[in-house]
Amino acid sequence: MPQIHASRLLDAANRIILGKAQNLRLALSCLIAGGHLLIEDVPGVGKTTLAHLLARLIGLQFQRIQFTSDLLPADIIGVSIFDRESAAFRFHPGPVFAQLILADEINRATPKTQSALLEAMEERQVTADGETMPLPAPFFVIATQNPTHQIGTFPLPESQLDRFLMRIRIGYPDREAERALLMGEDRRELLQRQEPVIRPEDLVALQRAAAAVTVSDRLVDYVQALIESTRHSADFAGGLSPRAGLALLSAARAWALIENRDHVLPEDVQAVFPHIAGHRLRLAGDGRSAPSEAITRLMRAVAVV
């Protein structure tokens, strides 16, 4: 049954976002693994549409936060306002109190505002006026990020990047898909008519099924070899943390589930590894985010045990 839910999601998503089957599988794997997703790309390739689509397909409560340079933490978390009738301050929840948050152009806000999401992403709760309040379940953040060389962007700190399970890029469509977009119906109108294909509780069932996917000892050996190679490589300034290793296994389990298997293969790890490691690794010397070529070389150098 969980695999049927995953197939329904992918079939419906591919009818709206054309020519991006691999990216949609990665995004769905991230949600099934219970993680947050960072989408980095140029404007206009469907980053926001993807977030809207996932919320609609699963029937999740959705909120969009447009990050700008003047956005304040209270604009995300909420604010306490004095109520004259009760003669007390009353907390008004911000947009973070939803099941799926789209943090649009997250790197256009200042680091202080970006950090307002840290507790929410890690602990699934927020603290305001000394009171800790749980967030809805399930809870996901999908953040879009413009390339860091564009004007008016602030780089995300490593502590926040590490909260994102995956980073993906959508890229331009191929010629056939782009022609279908140009000649077909407006994607926004299609999105407005899209009905949920599964329920939030079905997503929870998918997450439980993914957590039960078998990982053999030899597969764990391979994952450890990959992680250790990042720590000893002269290409990178520091390697992957144990948290990254847990993220890698979670994403590989979700990928295997989508492939209708009850066990993880090395191919599952290889499919998600670049998107787990790419935003966590920095090149030695200049500190830039590790390009895909460097990660591919590392994967080729590690033997499958």
C-alpha atoms as a PDB file:
ATOM      1  CA  MET A   1       0.000   0.000   0.000  1.00  0.00           C
ATOM      2  CA  PRO A   2       2.704   2.631   0.788  1.00  0.00           C
ATOM      3  CA  GLN A   3       4.311   2.059  -2.629  1.00  0.00           C
ATOM      4  CA  ILE A   4       0.914   2.733  -4.246  1.00  0.00           C
ATOM      5  CA  HIS A   5       0.778   6.102  -2.471  1.00  0.00           C
ATOM      6  CA  ALA A   6       4.256   6.960  -3.739  1.00  0.00           C
ATOM      7  CA  SER A   7       3.331   5.996  -7.306  1.00  0.00           C
ATOM      8  CA  ARG A   8       0.200   8.153  -7.162  1.00  0.00           C
ATOM      9  CA  LEU A   9       2.215  11.129  -5.982  1.00  0.00           C
ATOM     10  CA  LEU A  10       4.835  10.755  -8.690  1.00  0.00           C
ATOM     11  CA  ASP A  11       2.304  10.232 -11.479  1.00  0.00           C
ATOM     12  CA  ALA A  12       0.343  13.324 -10.497  1.00  0.00           C
ATOM     13  CA  ALA A  13       3.487  15.434 -10.015  1.00  0.00           C
ATOM     14  CA  ASN A  14       4.872  14.482 -13.430  1.00  0.00           C
ATOM     15  CA  ARG A  15       1.686  15.714 -15.083  1.00  0.00           C
ATOM     16  CA  ILE A  16       2.234  19.201 -13.660  1.00  0.00           C
ATOM     17  CA  ILE A  17       6.040  19.540 -13.707  1.00  0.00           C
ATOM     18  CA  LEU A  18       7.233  18.196 -17.028  1.00  0.00           C
ATOM     19  CA  GLY A  19      10.534  16.513 -17.767  1.00  0.00           C
ATOM     20  CA  LYS A  20      11.794  16.483 -14.183  1.00  0.00           C
ATOM     21  CA  ALA A  21      11.052  12.947 -13.019  1.00  0.00           C
ATOM     22  CA  GLN A  22      14.408  12.562 -11.223  1.00  0.00           C
ATOM     23  CA  ASN A  23      14.021  15.827  -9.321  1.00  0.00           C
ATOM     24  CA  LEU A  24      10.498  14.897  -8.260  1.00  0.00           C
ATOM     25  CA  ARG A  25      11.712  11.527  -6.981  1.00  0.00           C
ATOM     26  CA  LEU A  26      14.398  13.269  -4.952  1.00  0.00           C
ATOM     27  CA  ALA A  27      11.917  15.769  -3.494  1.00  0.00           C
ATOM     28  CA  LEU A  28       9.496  12.996  -2.569  1.00  0.00           C
ATOM     29  CA  SER A  29      12.312  10.934  -1.049  1.00  0.00           C
ATOM     30  CA  CYS A  30      13.227  13.912   1.109  1.00  0.00           C
ATOM     31  CA  LEU A  31       9.673  14.233   2.464  1.00  0.00           C
ATOM     32  CA  ILE A  32       9.310  10.497   3.034  1.00  0.00           C
ATOM     33  CA  ALA A  33      12.609  10.559   4.928  1.00  0.00           C
ATOM     34  CA  GLY A  34      11.132  13.299   7.128  1.00  0.00           C
ATOM     35  CA  GLY A  35      13.630  15.957   6.050  1.00  0.00           C
ATOM     36  CA  HIS A  36      13.633  19.520   4.803  1.00  0.00           C
ATOM     37  CA  LEU A  37      14.439  20.392   1.204  1.00  0.00           C
ATOM     38  CA  LEU A  38      16.580  23.191  -0.225  1.00  0.00           C
ATOM     39  CA  ILE A  39      16.086  24.031  -3.904  1.00  0.00           C
ATOM     40  CA  GLU A  40      18.802  26.202  -5.413  1.00  0.00           C
ATOM     41  CA  ASP A  41      18.386  27.506  -8.947  1.00  0.00           C
ATOM     42  CA  VAL A  42      17.800  30.540 -11.102  1.00  0.00           C
ATOM     43  CA  PRO A  43      14.341  32.183 -11.008  1.00  0.00           C
ATOM     44  CA  GLY A  44      11.605  30.821 -13.232  1.00  0.00           C
ATOM     45  CA  VAL A  45      12.367  27.091 -13.409  1.00  0.00           C
ATOM     46  CA  GLY A  46       9.561  25.867 -11.121  1.00  0.00           C
ATOM     47  CA  LYS A  47      10.969  25.959  -7.580  1.00  0.00           C
ATOM     48  CA  THR A  48       7.871  27.561  -6.067  1.00  0.00           C
ATOM     49  CA  THR A  49       5.539  25.438  -8.191  1.00  0.00           C
ATOM     50  CA  LEU A  50       7.156  22.282  -6.822  1.00  0.00           C
ATOM     51  CA  ALA A  51       6.509  23.317  -3.210  1.00  0.00           C
ATOM     52  CA  HIS A  52       2.882  24.257  -3.950  1.00  0.00           C
ATOM     53  CA  LEU A  53       2.395  20.991  -5.801  1.00  0.00           C
ATOM     54  CA  LEU A  54       3.651  18.758  -2.996  1.00  0.00           C
ATOM     55  CA  ALA A  55       1.392  20.517  -0.492  1.00  0.00           C
ATOM     56  CA  ARG A  56      -1.644  20.093  -2.738  1.00  0.00           C
ATOM     57  CA  LEU A  57      -0.952  16.467  -3.628  1.00  0.00           C
ATOM     58  CA  ILE A  58      -0.663  15.461   0.032  1.00  0.00           C
ATOM     59  CA  GLY A  59      -3.338  17.805   1.382  1.00  0.00           C
ATOM     60  CA  LEU A  60      -0.957  19.589   3.731  1.00  0.00           C
ATOM     61  CA  GLN A  61      -1.670  22.952   5.327  1.00  0.00           C
ATOM     62  CA  PHE A  62       0.542  25.336   3.360  1.00  0.00           C
ATOM     63  CA  GLN A  63       2.119  28.710   4.082  1.00  0.00           C
ATOM     64  CA  ARG A  64       4.472  30.727   1.928  1.00  0.00           C
ATOM     65  CA  ILE A  65       6.957  33.146   3.475  1.00  0.00           C
ATOM     66  CA  GLN A  66       8.602  35.558   1.057  1.00  0.00           C
ATOM     67  CA  PHE A  67      12.057  36.264   2.478  1.00  0.00           C
ATOM     68  CA  THR A  68      13.291  39.828   1.996  1.00  0.00           C
ATOM     69  CA  SER A  69      16.057  41.910   3.531  1.00  0.00           C
ATOM     70  CA  ASP A  70      13.606  43.649   5.908  1.00  0.00           C
ATOM     71  CA  LEU A  71      11.855  40.476   7.128  1.00  0.00           C
ATOM     72  CA  LEU A  72      12.008  40.082  10.928  1.00  0.00           C
ATOM     73  CA  PRO A  73      12.013  36.881  13.029  1.00  0.00           C
ATOM     74  CA  ALA A  74       8.622  37.845  14.463  1.00  0.00           C
ATOM     75  CA  ASP A  75       7.224  37.851  10.921  1.00  0.00           C
ATOM     76  CA  ILE A  76       7.970  34.115  10.839  1.00  0.00           C
ATOM     77  CA  ILE A  77       7.348  32.920  14.395  1.00  0.00           C
ATOM     78  CA  GLY A  78       4.584  35.288  15.470  1.00  0.00           C
ATOM     79  CA  VAL A  79       4.153  38.139  17.904  1.00  0.00           C
ATOM     80  CA  SER A  80       2.487  38.811  21.255  1.00  0.00           C
ATOM     81  CA  ILE A  81      -0.044  41.655  21.251  1.00  0.00           C
ATOM     82  CA  PHE A  82      -1.660  43.171  24.342  1.00  0.00           C
ATOM     83  CA  ASP A  83      -5.335  42.279  24.629  1.00  0.00           C
ATOM     84  CA  ARG A  84      -7.267  44.960  26.502  1.00  0.00           C
ATOM     85  CA  GLU A  85     -10.206  42.694  27.321  1.00  0.00           C
ATOM     86  CA  SER A  86      -8.092  40.113  29.119  1.00  0.00           C
ATOM     87  CA  ALA A  87      -5.449  42.648  30.211  1.00  0.00           C
ATOM     88  CA  ALA A  88      -2.744  40.247  29.043  1.00  0.00           C
ATOM     89  CA  PHE A  89      -0.514  39.632  26.069  1.00  0.00           C
ATOM     90  CA  ARG A  90      -1.885  37.182  23.512  1.00  0.00           C
ATOM     91  CA  PHE A  91       0.372  35.314  21.125  1.00  0.00           C
ATOM     92  CA  HIS A  92      -0.580  35.460  17.456  1.00  0.00           C
ATOM     93  CA  PRO A  93       1.082  32.549  15.623  1.00  0.00           C
ATOM     94  CA  GLY A  94       3.112  33.342  12.541  1.00  0.00           C
ATOM     95  CA  PRO A  95       3.128  31.480   9.226  1.00  0.00           C
ATOM     96  CA  VAL A  96       5.594  28.883  10.564  1.00  0.00           C
ATOM     97  CA  PHE A  97       2.628  27.155  12.218  1.00  0.00           C
ATOM     98  CA  ALA A  98       1.727  25.115   9.146  1.00  0.00           C
ATOM     99  CA  GLN A  99       2.533  21.621   7.922  1.00  0.00           C
ATOM    100  CA  LEU A 100       4.513  22.690   4.857  1.00  0.00           C
ATOM    101  CA  ILE A 101       6.385  25.990   4.784  1.00  0.00           C
ATOM    102  CA  LEU A 102       7.750  27.487   1.595  1.00  0.00           C
ATOM    103  CA  ALA A 103      10.654  29.739   2.569  1.00  0.00           C
ATOM    104  CA  ASP A 104      10.885  31.528  -0.756  1.00  0.00           C
ATOM    105  CA  GLU A 105      14.285  33.046  -1.603  1.00  0.00           C
ATOM    106  CA  ILE A 106      15.540  32.288   1.888  1.00  0.00           C
ATOM    107  CA  ASN A 107      18.986  33.753   1.226  1.00  0.00           C
ATOM    108  CA  ARG A 108      17.567  37.229   0.599  1.00  0.00           C
ATOM    109  CA  ALA A 109      16.886  37.648   4.339  1.00  0.00           C
ATOM    110  CA  THR A 110      19.498  38.591   6.910  1.00  0.00           C
ATOM    111  CA  PRO A 111      21.205  35.859   8.963  1.00  0.00           C
ATOM    112  CA  LYS A 112      19.219  36.906  12.065  1.00  0.00           C
ATOM    113  CA  THR A 113      15.951  36.208  10.272  1.00  0.00           C
ATOM    114  CA  GLN A 114      17.244  33.018   8.689  1.00  0.00           C
ATOM    115  CA  SER A 115      18.120  31.721  12.152  1.00  0.00           C
ATOM    116  CA  ALA A 116      14.464  32.036  13.223  1.00  0.00           C
ATOM    117  CA  LEU A 117      13.845  28.797  11.356  1.00  0.00           C
ATOM    118  CA  LEU A 118      16.627  26.819  13.043  1.00  0.00           C
ATOM    119  CA  GLU A 119      14.675  25.630  16.078  1.00  0.00           C
ATOM    120  CA  ALA A 120      11.589  24.950  13.988  1.00  0.00           C
ATOM    121  CA  MET A 121      13.510  22.810  11.506  1.00  0.00           C
ATOM    122  CA  GLU A 122      15.457  20.828  14.078  1.00  0.00           C
ATOM    123  CA  GLU A 123      13.060  20.487  17.011  1.00  0.00           C
ATOM    124  CA  ARG A 124       9.679  20.905  15.279  1.00  0.00           C
ATOM    125  CA  GLN A 125       8.849  23.594  17.835  1.00  0.00           C
ATOM    126  CA  VAL A 126       9.282  27.318  18.402  1.00  0.00           C
ATOM    127  CA  THR A 127       9.931  29.349  21.516  1.00  0.00           C
ATOM    128  CA  ALA A 128       8.387  32.781  21.972  1.00  0.00           C
ATOM    129  CA  ASP A 129       8.146  34.852  25.157  1.00  0.00           C
ATOM    130  CA  GLY A 130       9.681  31.996  27.130  1.00  0.00           C
ATOM    131  CA  GLU A 131       7.021  29.505  26.023  1.00  0.00           C
ATOM    132  CA  THR A 132       7.748  26.503  23.801  1.00  0.00           C
ATOM    133  CA  MET A 133       5.023  25.584  21.332  1.00  0.00           C
ATOM    134  CA  PRO A 134       4.956  22.452  19.139  1.00  0.00           C
ATOM    135  CA  LEU A 135       4.494  22.782  15.389  1.00  0.00           C
ATOM    136  CA  PRO A 136       1.944  20.771  13.391  1.00  0.00           C
ATOM    137  CA  ALA A 137       2.832  17.255  12.318  1.00  0.00           C
ATOM    138  CA  PRO A 138       3.990  16.428   9.755  1.00  0.00           C
ATOM    139  CA  PHE A 139       6.158  19.530   9.397  1.00  0.00           C
ATOM    140  CA  PHE A 140       8.400  20.347   6.444  1.00  0.00           C
ATOM    141  CA  VAL A 141      10.331  23.337   5.206  1.00  0.00           C
ATOM    142  CA  ILE A 142      10.979  23.671   1.495  1.00  0.00           C
ATOM    143  CA  ALA A 143      13.312  26.607   0.924  1.00  0.00           C
ATOM    144  CA  THR A 144      14.248  28.119  -2.404  1.00  0.00           C
ATOM    145  CA  GLN A 145      17.572  29.835  -2.837  1.00  0.00           C
ATOM    146  CA  ASN A 146      18.896  31.996  -5.621  1.00  0.00           C
ATOM    147  CA  PRO A 147      22.525  31.491  -6.706  1.00  0.00           C
ATOM    148  CA  THR A 148      24.773  33.213  -4.161  1.00  0.00           C
ATOM    149  CA  HIS A 149      26.487  35.367  -6.791  1.00  0.00           C
ATOM    150  CA  GLN A 150      23.249  37.270  -7.388  1.00  0.00           C
ATOM    151  CA  ILE A 151      22.887  40.754  -5.891  1.00  0.00           C
ATOM    152  CA  GLY A 152      21.143  41.022  -2.521  1.00  0.00           C
ATOM    153  CA  THR A 153      21.767  37.513  -1.223  1.00  0.00           C
ATOM    154  CA  PHE A 154      23.165  36.418   2.154  1.00  0.00           C
ATOM    155  CA  PRO A 155      24.852  32.991   2.320  1.00  0.00           C
ATOM    156  CA  LEU A 156      23.178  30.473   4.608  1.00  0.00           C
ATOM    157  CA  PRO A 157      25.338  29.534   7.612  1.00  0.00           C
ATOM    158  CA  GLU A 158      26.590  25.958   7.785  1.00  0.00           C
ATOM    159  CA  SER A 159      24.433  25.283  10.856  1.00  0.00           C
ATOM    160  CA  GLN A 160      21.317  26.030   8.832  1.00  0.00           C
ATOM    161  CA  LEU A 161      22.460  24.243   5.690  1.00  0.00           C
ATOM    162  CA  ASP A 162      22.924  21.126   7.806  1.00  0.00           C
ATOM    163  CA  ARG A 163      19.223  21.250   8.757  1.00  0.00           C
ATOM    164  CA  PHE A 164      18.294  20.568   5.152  1.00  0.00           C
ATOM    165  CA  LEU A 165      18.306  16.865   4.397  1.00  0.00           C
ATOM    166  CA  MET A 166      18.770  17.492   0.669  1.00  0.00           C
ATOM    167  CA  ARG A 167      19.656  20.196  -1.788  1.00  0.00           C
ATOM    168  CA  ILE A 168      18.506  19.808  -5.356  1.00  0.00           C
ATOM    169  CA  ARG A 169      18.610  21.875  -8.519  1.00  0.00           C
ATOM    170  CA  ILE A 170      15.760  21.751 -11.025  1.00  0.00           C
ATOM    171  CA  GLY A 171      17.511  23.176 -14.073  1.00  0.00           C
ATOM    172  CA  TYR A 172      16.080  24.143 -17.433  1.00  0.00           C
ATOM    173  CA  PRO A 173      13.652  21.733 -19.113  1.00  0.00           C
ATOM    174  CA  ASP A 174      14.706  19.816 -22.177  1.00  0.00           C
ATOM    175  CA  ARG A 175      13.421  20.960 -25.553  1.00  0.00           C
ATOM    176  CA  GLU A 176      10.454  18.576 -25.648  1.00  0.00           C
ATOM    177  CA  ALA A 177       9.272  19.419 -22.129  1.00  0.00           C
ATOM    178  CA  GLU A 178       9.724  23.144 -22.700  1.00  0.00           C
ATOM    179  CA  ARG A 179       7.661  22.990 -25.884  1.00  0.00           C
ATOM    180  CA  ALA A 180       4.887  21.206 -23.993  1.00  0.00           C
ATOM    181  CA  LEU A 181       5.016  23.972 -21.375  1.00  0.00           C
ATOM    182  CA  LEU A 182       4.862  26.703 -24.008  1.00  0.00           C
ATOM    183  CA  MET A 183       2.011  25.115 -25.934  1.00  0.00           C
ATOM    184  CA  GLY A 184       0.063  23.670 -23.016  1.00  0.00           C
ATOM    185  CA  GLU A 185      -2.166  24.988 -20.259  1.00  0.00           C
ATOM    186  CA  ASP A 186      -0.803  27.377 -17.654  1.00  0.00           C
ATOM    187  CA  ARG A 187       0.795  25.364 -14.839  1.00  0.00           C
ATOM    188  CA  ARG A 188      -0.722  27.636 -12.187  1.00  0.00           C
ATOM    189  CA  GLU A 189      -4.234  26.892 -13.429  1.00  0.00           C
ATOM    190  CA  LEU A 190      -3.509  23.175 -13.432  1.00  0.00           C
ATOM    191  CA  LEU A 191      -2.168  23.498  -9.917  1.00  0.00           C
ATOM    192  CA  GLN A 192      -5.285  25.287  -8.703  1.00  0.00           C
ATOM    193  CA  ARG A 193      -7.475  22.424  -9.926  1.00  0.00           C
ATOM    194  CA  GLN A 194      -5.226  19.696  -8.520  1.00  0.00           C
ATOM    195  CA  GLU A 195      -6.892  17.629  -5.811  1.00  0.00           C
ATOM    196  CA  PRO A 196      -4.973  15.704  -3.138  1.00  0.00           C
ATOM    197  CA  VAL A 197      -4.066  12.175  -4.196  1.00  0.00           C
ATOM    198  CA  ILE A 198      -3.131  10.999  -0.688  1.00  0.00           C
ATOM    199  CA  ARG A 199      -3.825  12.228   2.838  1.00  0.00           C
ATOM    200  CA  PRO A 200      -1.310  13.487   5.424  1.00  0.00           C
ATOM    201  CA  GLU A 201      -1.786  10.236   7.360  1.00  0.00           C
ATOM    202  CA  ASP A 202      -0.812   8.323   4.199  1.00  0.00           C
ATOM    203  CA  LEU A 203       2.450  10.278   4.151  1.00  0.00           C
ATOM    204  CA  VAL A 204       3.037   9.243   7.762  1.00  0.00           C
ATOM    205  CA  ALA A 205       2.471   5.623   6.696  1.00  0.00           C
ATOM    206  CA  LEU A 206       5.031   6.103   3.911  1.00  0.00           C
ATOM    207  CA  GLN A 207       7.532   7.437   6.436  1.00  0.00           C
ATOM    208  CA  ARG A 208       7.010   4.445   8.718  1.00  0.00           C
ATOM    209  CA  ALA A 209       7.366   2.032   5.823  1.00  0.00           C
ATOM    210  CA  ALA A 210      10.604   3.735   4.745  1.00  0.00           C
ATOM    211  CA  ALA A 211      12.017   3.489   8.267  1.00  0.00           C
ATOM    212  CA  ALA A 212      11.392  -0.271   8.123  1.00  0.00           C
ATOM    213  CA  VAL A 213      13.337  -0.782   4.870  1.00  0.00           C
ATOM    214  CA  THR A 214      16.217  -3.164   5.561  1.00  0.00           C
ATOM    215  CA  VAL A 215      19.811  -1.941   5.567  1.00  0.00           C
ATOM    216  CA  SER A 216      22.427  -4.688   5.601  1.00  0.00           C
ATOM    217  CA  ASP A 217      25.714  -4.563   7.468  1.00  0.00           C
ATOM    218  CA  ARG A 218      27.630  -4.444   4.182  1.00  0.00           C
ATOM    219  CA  LEU A 219      25.531  -1.502   3.031  1.00  0.00           C
ATOM    220  CA  VAL A 220      26.383   0.326   6.265  1.00  0.00           C
ATOM    221  CA  ASP A 221      30.047  -0.458   5.571  1.00  0.00           C
ATOM    222  CA  TYR A 222      29.689   1.238   2.194  1.00  0.00           C
ATOM    223  CA  VAL A 223      27.988   4.292   3.725  1.00  0.00           C
ATOM    224  CA  GLN A 224      30.738   4.571   6.322  1.00  0.00           C
ATOM    225  CA  ALA A 225      33.395   4.297   3.631  1.00  0.00           C
ATOM    226  CA  LEU A 226      31.795   7.172   1.726  1.00  0.00           C
ATOM    227  CA  ILE A 227      31.591   9.345   4.822  1.00  0.00           C
ATOM    228  CA  GLU A 228      35.143   8.577   5.912  1.00  0.00           C
ATOM    229  CA  SER A 229      36.451   9.372   2.439  1.00  0.00           C
ATOM    230  CA  THR A 230      35.070  12.920   2.713  1.00  0.00           C
ATOM    231  CA  ARG A 231      36.974  13.382   5.976  1.00  0.00           C
ATOM    232  CA  HIS A 232      40.293  12.250   4.512  1.00  0.00           C
ATOM    233  CA  SER A 233      39.987  13.849   1.091  1.00  0.00           C
ATOM    234  CA  ALA A 234      42.294  16.748   0.271  1.00  0.00           C
ATOM    235  CA  ASP A 235      39.509  18.222  -1.890  1.00  0.00           C
ATOM    236  CA  PHE A 236      37.283  19.190   1.033  1.00  0.00           C
ATOM    237  CA  ALA A 237      37.667  21.434   4.071  1.00  0.00           C
ATOM    238  CA  GLY A 238      36.245  18.976   6.595  1.00  0.00           C
ATOM    239  CA  GLY A 239      34.086  15.929   6.022  1.00  0.00           C
ATOM    240  CA  LEU A 240      30.538  14.799   6.598  1.00  0.00           C
ATOM    241  CA  SER A 241      29.201  14.556  10.140  1.00  0.00           C
ATOM    242  CA  PRO A 242      27.394  11.582  11.719  1.00  0.00           C
ATOM    243  CA  ARG A 243      24.160  13.529  11.204  1.00  0.00           C
ATOM    244  CA  ALA A 244      24.876  13.550   7.487  1.00  0.00           C
ATOM    245  CA  GLY A 245      25.374   9.781   7.642  1.00  0.00           C
ATOM    246  CA  LEU A 246      21.976   9.333   9.264  1.00  0.00           C
ATOM    247  CA  ALA A 247      20.453  11.597   6.611  1.00  0.00           C
ATOM    248  CA  LEU A 248      22.071   9.516   3.880  1.00  0.00           C
ATOM    249  CA  LEU A 249      20.615   6.274   5.226  1.00  0.00           C
ATOM    250  CA  SER A 250      17.159   7.825   5.680  1.00  0.00           C
ATOM    251  CA  ALA A 251      17.107   9.181   2.143  1.00  0.00           C
ATOM    252  CA  ALA A 252      18.393   5.877   0.702  1.00  0.00           C
ATOM    253  CA  ARG A 253      15.635   3.985   2.515  1.00  0.00           C
ATOM    254  CA  ALA A 254      13.026   6.366   1.078  1.00  0.00           C
ATOM    255  CA  TRP A 255      14.510   6.000  -2.415  1.00  0.00           C
ATOM    256  CA  ALA A 256      14.391   2.199  -2.125  1.00  0.00           C
ATOM    257  CA  LEU A 257      10.745   2.384  -1.027  1.00  0.00           C
ATOM    258  CA  ILE A 258       9.847   4.467  -4.085  1.00  0.00           C
ATOM    259  CA  GLU A 259      11.636   1.841  -6.196  1.00  0.00           C
ATOM    260  CA  ASN A 260       9.299  -0.737  -4.613  1.00  0.00           C
ATOM    261  CA  ARG A 261      12.008  -2.580  -2.686  1.00  0.00           C
ATOM    262  CA  ASP A 262      12.176  -3.576   0.964  1.00  0.00           C
ATOM    263  CA  HIS A 263      15.967  -3.309   1.170  1.00  0.00           C
ATOM    264  CA  VAL A 264      18.573  -0.688   0.290  1.00  0.00           C
ATOM    265  CA  LEU A 265      21.051  -1.234  -2.545  1.00  0.00           C
ATOM    266  CA  PRO A 266      24.292   0.689  -3.157  1.00  0.00           C
ATOM    267  CA  GLU A 267      22.545   2.270  -6.155  1.00  0.00           C
ATOM    268  CA  ASP A 268      20.044   3.880  -3.784  1.00  0.00           C
ATOM    269  CA  VAL A 269      22.857   5.430  -1.768  1.00  0.00           C
ATOM    270  CA  GLN A 270      24.549   6.659  -4.937  1.00  0.00           C
ATOM    271  CA  ALA A 271      21.304   8.222  -6.200  1.00  0.00           C
ATOM    272  CA  VAL A 272      20.879  10.449  -3.142  1.00  0.00           C
ATOM    273  CA  PHE A 273      24.477  10.957  -1.977  1.00  0.00           C
ATOM    274  CA  PRO A 274      25.301  14.011  -4.154  1.00  0.00           C
ATOM    275  CA  HIS A 275      22.185  15.767  -2.869  1.00  0.00           C
ATOM    276  CA  ILE A 276      22.964  14.925   0.761  1.00  0.00           C
ATOM    277  CA  ALA A 277      26.635  15.917   0.568  1.00  0.00           C
ATOM    278  CA  GLY A 278      26.659  18.803  -1.917  1.00  0.00           C
ATOM    279  CA  HIS A 279      25.542  21.548   0.490  1.00  0.00           C
ATOM    280  CA  ARG A 280      27.452  20.152   3.463  1.00  0.00           C
ATOM    281  CA  LEU A 281      30.915  19.915   1.900  1.00  0.00           C
ATOM    282  CA  ARG A 282      33.196  22.873   1.213  1.00  0.00           C
ATOM    283  CA  LEU A 283      36.170  22.914  -1.125  1.00  0.00           C
ATOM    284  CA  ALA A 284      39.560  23.189   0.533  1.00  0.00           C
ATOM    285  CA  GLY A 285      41.107  26.582  -0.052  1.00  0.00           C
ATOM    286  CA  ASP A 286      38.258  28.816  -1.202  1.00  0.00           C
ATOM    287  CA  GLY A 287      35.421  27.396   0.931  1.00  0.00           C
ATOM    288  CA  ARG A 288      32.971  27.218  -1.950  1.00  0.00           C
ATOM    289  CA  SER A 289      30.213  24.651  -1.958  1.00  0.00           C
ATOM    290  CA  ALA A 290      31.526  21.401  -3.398  1.00  0.00           C
ATOM    291  CA  PRO A 291      30.633  21.054  -7.090  1.00  0.00           C
ATOM    292  CA  SER A 292      29.009  17.892  -8.378  1.00  0.00           C
ATOM    293  CA  GLU A 293      32.196  16.914 -10.218  1.00  0.00           C
ATOM    294  CA  ALA A 294      34.156  16.667  -6.958  1.00  0.00           C
ATOM    295  CA  ILE A 295      31.469  14.531  -5.331  1.00  0.00           C
ATOM    296  CA  THR A 296      31.263  12.269  -8.382  1.00  0.00           C
ATOM    297  CA  ARG A 297      35.043  11.723  -8.262  1.00  0.00           C
ATOM    298  CA  LEU A 298      34.783  10.793  -4.593  1.00  0.00           C
ATOM    299  CA  MET A 299      31.987   8.289  -5.226  1.00  0.00           C
ATOM    300  CA  ARG A 300      33.981   6.645  -8.024  1.00  0.00           C
ATOM    301  CA  ALA A 301      36.989   6.320  -5.743  1.00  0.00           C
ATOM    302  CA  VAL A 302      35.053   4.413  -3.058  1.00  0.00           C
ATOM    303  CA  ALA A 303      34.559   0.748  -3.855  1.00  0.00           C
ATOM    304  CA  VAL A 304      31.189  -0.903  -3.300  1.00  0.00           C
ATOM    305  CA  VAL A 305      31.817  -3.540  -0.630  1.00  0.00           C
END
